[in-house]
Amino acid sequence: MKTMTSLLMAICLTLALPAWAEVSRDAAAATAQQVSAGRVLSVEKTQQQGRTVWRVKMLTTQGEVKVILVDAATGRTL
């Protein structure tokens, strides 16, 4: 019984890990590059509307500076 309980707890913790995971600076930069082709100028972690986001500043291929926000918890662009 003890082994089964330990196994069940290990499975639950493994499934919960993605909820605790945070998107890295490099992953946020890669996400921003998928959204807008260009060169990453800077990546900063900041707060936006009560959530932690990566603020990725990019220089597009057209020469424009563009800011892309990437949610630090989910990796989705805002």
N, C-alpha and C. Protein backbone atom coordinates (compact mmCIF):
# COMPACT_ATOMS: atom_id res chain seq x y z
N MET A 1 0.82 -1.19 0.00
CA MET A 1 0.00 0.00 0.00
C MET A 1 0.87 1.26 0.00
N LYS A 2 1.95 1.23 0.79
CA LYS A 2 2.85 2.37 0.86
C LYS A 2 3.50 2.64 -0.49
N THR A 3 3.87 1.58 -1.19
CA THR A 3 4.50 1.73 -2.50
C THR A 3 3.53 2.34 -3.50
N MET A 4 2.29 1.91 -3.45
CA MET A 4 1.28 2.43 -4.37
C MET A 4 1.02 3.92 -4.11
N THR A 5 0.99 4.30 -2.85
CA THR A 5 0.78 5.70 -2.49
C THR A 5 1.96 6.55 -2.97
N SER A 6 3.16 6.06 -2.77
CA SER A 6 4.35 6.78 -3.22
C SER A 6 4.37 6.94 -4.74
N LEU A 7 4.00 5.88 -5.45
CA LEU A 7 3.95 5.92 -6.90
C LEU A 7 2.90 6.93 -7.38
N LEU A 8 1.74 6.92 -6.75
CA LEU A 8 0.68 7.85 -7.12
C LEU A 8 1.10 9.30 -6.86
N MET A 9 1.78 9.56 -5.76
CA MET A 9 2.25 10.90 -5.45
C MET A 9 3.30 11.35 -6.47
N ALA A 10 4.19 10.45 -6.87
CA ALA A 10 5.22 10.78 -7.86
C ALA A 10 4.59 11.13 -9.20
N ILE A 11 3.57 10.40 -9.59
CA ILE A 11 2.87 10.68 -10.85
C ILE A 11 2.18 12.04 -10.77
N CYS A 12 1.53 12.33 -9.66
CA CYS A 12 0.85 13.62 -9.50
C CYS A 12 1.83 14.78 -9.56
N LEU A 13 2.98 14.64 -8.91
CA LEU A 13 3.98 15.70 -8.95
C LEU A 13 4.55 15.89 -10.35
N THR A 14 4.75 14.80 -11.07
CA THR A 14 5.27 14.89 -12.44
C THR A 14 4.28 15.62 -13.34
N LEU A 15 3.01 15.33 -13.18
CA LEU A 15 1.99 15.98 -14.00
C LEU A 15 1.84 17.46 -13.64
N ALA A 16 2.14 17.82 -12.41
CA ALA A 16 1.99 19.20 -11.97
C ALA A 16 3.19 20.07 -12.33
N LEU A 17 4.32 19.48 -12.68
CA LEU A 17 5.53 20.26 -12.98
C LEU A 17 5.33 21.32 -14.06
N PRO A 18 4.65 21.04 -15.17
CA PRO A 18 4.49 22.10 -16.16
C PRO A 18 3.77 23.33 -15.62
N ALA A 19 2.91 23.17 -14.64
CA ALA A 19 2.21 24.31 -14.05
C ALA A 19 3.17 25.19 -13.26
N TRP A 20 4.26 24.59 -12.74
CA TRP A 20 5.23 25.36 -11.98
C TRP A 20 6.34 25.91 -12.87
N ALA A 21 6.49 25.32 -14.04
CA ALA A 21 7.59 25.70 -14.92
C ALA A 21 7.43 27.14 -15.39
N GLU A 22 8.54 27.78 -15.61
CA GLU A 22 8.52 29.14 -16.10
C GLU A 22 9.30 29.18 -17.40
N VAL A 23 8.81 29.95 -18.34
CA VAL A 23 9.45 30.09 -19.65
C VAL A 23 10.78 30.83 -19.47
N SER A 24 11.83 30.31 -20.07
CA SER A 24 13.14 30.93 -19.95
C SER A 24 13.26 32.14 -20.86
N ARG A 25 14.31 32.92 -20.62
CA ARG A 25 14.61 34.09 -21.44
C ARG A 25 14.82 33.67 -22.90
N ASP A 26 15.57 32.60 -23.11
CA ASP A 26 15.85 32.13 -24.46
C ASP A 26 14.58 31.64 -25.17
N ALA A 27 13.71 30.95 -24.43
CA ALA A 27 12.46 30.47 -25.02
C ALA A 27 11.56 31.64 -25.40
N ALA A 28 11.55 32.68 -24.58
CA ALA A 28 10.74 33.86 -24.89
C ALA A 28 11.28 34.55 -26.15
N ALA A 29 12.59 34.63 -26.28
CA ALA A 29 13.19 35.23 -27.47
C ALA A 29 12.86 34.41 -28.71
N ALA A 30 12.91 33.09 -28.59
CA ALA A 30 12.58 32.22 -29.73
C ALA A 30 11.12 32.37 -30.13
N THR A 31 10.23 32.48 -29.16
CA THR A 31 8.81 32.67 -29.44
C THR A 31 8.59 33.99 -30.17
N ALA A 32 9.26 35.04 -29.71
CA ALA A 32 9.13 36.34 -30.36
C ALA A 32 9.63 36.30 -31.79
N GLN A 33 10.70 35.56 -32.05
CA GLN A 33 11.23 35.45 -33.40
C GLN A 33 10.28 34.68 -34.31
N GLN A 34 9.51 33.77 -33.76
CA GLN A 34 8.52 33.05 -34.57
C GLN A 34 7.38 33.98 -34.96
N VAL A 35 7.05 34.92 -34.07
CA VAL A 35 5.96 35.85 -34.32
C VAL A 35 6.38 36.93 -35.30
N SER A 36 7.60 37.43 -35.16
CA SER A 36 8.07 38.52 -36.00
C SER A 36 9.53 38.26 -36.37
N ALA A 37 9.77 38.07 -37.64
CA ALA A 37 11.14 37.80 -38.09
C ALA A 37 12.00 39.02 -37.81
N GLY A 38 13.20 38.78 -37.31
CA GLY A 38 14.11 39.88 -37.05
C GLY A 38 15.12 39.50 -36.00
N ARG A 39 15.81 40.51 -35.50
CA ARG A 39 16.87 40.32 -34.52
C ARG A 39 16.40 40.77 -33.14
N VAL A 40 16.67 39.95 -32.14
CA VAL A 40 16.31 40.29 -30.76
C VAL A 40 17.31 41.31 -30.24
N LEU A 41 16.80 42.44 -29.76
CA LEU A 41 17.64 43.50 -29.21
C LEU A 41 17.80 43.36 -27.70
N SER A 42 16.68 43.03 -27.01
CA SER A 42 16.74 42.87 -25.55
C SER A 42 15.56 42.02 -25.08
N VAL A 43 15.76 41.41 -23.91
CA VAL A 43 14.70 40.61 -23.27
C VAL A 43 14.71 40.96 -21.79
N GLU A 44 13.59 41.45 -21.28
CA GLU A 44 13.47 41.84 -19.87
C GLU A 44 12.23 41.21 -19.26
N LYS A 45 12.36 40.81 -18.01
CA LYS A 45 11.20 40.29 -17.28
C LYS A 45 10.53 41.46 -16.58
N THR A 46 9.19 41.53 -16.70
CA THR A 46 8.44 42.64 -16.10
C THR A 46 7.04 42.17 -15.74
N GLN A 47 6.26 43.05 -15.13
CA GLN A 47 4.87 42.77 -14.78
C GLN A 47 3.95 43.52 -15.73
N GLN A 48 2.92 42.85 -16.21
CA GLN A 48 1.94 43.47 -17.11
C GLN A 48 0.56 42.96 -16.71
N GLN A 49 -0.30 43.82 -16.26
CA GLN A 49 -1.67 43.48 -15.87
C GLN A 49 -1.70 42.32 -14.87
N GLY A 50 -0.83 42.39 -13.88
CA GLY A 50 -0.82 41.41 -12.81
C GLY A 50 -0.15 40.09 -13.13
N ARG A 51 0.50 39.97 -14.27
CA ARG A 51 1.19 38.72 -14.60
C ARG A 51 2.63 39.01 -14.99
N THR A 52 3.47 38.03 -14.81
CA THR A 52 4.87 38.16 -15.19
C THR A 52 5.01 37.86 -16.67
N VAL A 53 5.68 38.77 -17.37
CA VAL A 53 5.87 38.60 -18.81
C VAL A 53 7.32 38.90 -19.18
N TRP A 54 7.73 38.35 -20.30
CA TRP A 54 9.00 38.72 -20.92
C TRP A 54 8.70 39.79 -21.95
N ARG A 55 9.40 40.91 -21.88
CA ARG A 55 9.27 42.00 -22.84
C ARG A 55 10.44 41.86 -23.82
N VAL A 56 10.13 41.43 -25.04
CA VAL A 56 11.16 41.17 -26.04
C VAL A 56 11.14 42.31 -27.05
N LYS A 57 12.25 43.05 -27.13
CA LYS A 57 12.37 44.13 -28.10
C LYS A 57 13.12 43.58 -29.31
N MET A 58 12.49 43.75 -30.50
CA MET A 58 13.05 43.20 -31.73
C MET A 58 13.25 44.28 -32.78
N LEU A 59 14.23 44.06 -33.64
CA LEU A 59 14.43 44.88 -34.82
C LEU A 59 13.97 44.02 -36.00
N THR A 60 12.87 44.42 -36.63
CA THR A 60 12.30 43.62 -37.72
C THR A 60 13.16 43.74 -38.97
N THR A 61 12.90 42.88 -39.94
CA THR A 61 13.64 42.91 -41.20
C THR A 61 13.35 44.18 -41.99
N GLN A 62 12.26 44.87 -41.66
CA GLN A 62 11.92 46.15 -42.29
C GLN A 62 12.58 47.33 -41.58
N GLY A 63 13.34 47.06 -40.51
CA GLY A 63 14.04 48.11 -39.79
C GLY A 63 13.23 48.77 -38.69
N GLU A 64 12.07 48.22 -38.34
CA GLU A 64 11.23 48.76 -37.28
C GLU A 64 11.54 48.08 -35.95
N VAL A 65 11.44 48.83 -34.87
CA VAL A 65 11.58 48.26 -33.54
C VAL A 65 10.19 47.84 -33.07
N LYS A 66 10.08 46.60 -32.63
CA LYS A 66 8.78 46.05 -32.22
C LYS A 66 8.96 45.40 -30.85
N VAL A 67 7.97 45.59 -29.97
CA VAL A 67 7.99 44.96 -28.65
C VAL A 67 6.94 43.86 -28.62
N ILE A 68 7.38 42.68 -28.22
CA ILE A 68 6.48 41.52 -28.13
C ILE A 68 6.50 41.05 -26.68
N LEU A 69 5.31 40.86 -26.12
CA LEU A 69 5.18 40.38 -24.74
C LEU A 69 4.89 38.88 -24.77
N VAL A 70 5.66 38.14 -23.98
CA VAL A 70 5.50 36.69 -23.89
C VAL A 70 5.20 36.35 -22.44
N ASP A 71 4.07 35.68 -22.19
CA ASP A 71 3.68 35.29 -20.84
C ASP A 71 4.75 34.33 -20.28
N ALA A 72 5.30 34.67 -19.11
CA ALA A 72 6.37 33.88 -18.53
C ALA A 72 5.91 32.52 -18.01
N ALA A 73 4.62 32.38 -17.76
CA ALA A 73 4.09 31.11 -17.26
C ALA A 73 3.70 30.16 -18.38
N THR A 74 3.14 30.69 -19.45
CA THR A 74 2.61 29.82 -20.51
C THR A 74 3.43 29.83 -21.79
N GLY A 75 4.20 30.89 -22.02
CA GLY A 75 4.96 31.00 -23.25
C GLY A 75 4.17 31.55 -24.41
N ARG A 76 2.94 31.95 -24.15
CA ARG A 76 2.09 32.51 -25.21
C ARG A 76 2.34 34.00 -25.35
N THR A 77 2.21 34.50 -26.56
CA THR A 77 2.34 35.94 -26.78
C THR A 77 1.06 36.64 -26.37
N LEU A 78 1.21 37.87 -25.92
CA LEU A 78 0.06 38.67 -25.49
C LEU A 78 -0.22 39.76 -26.50
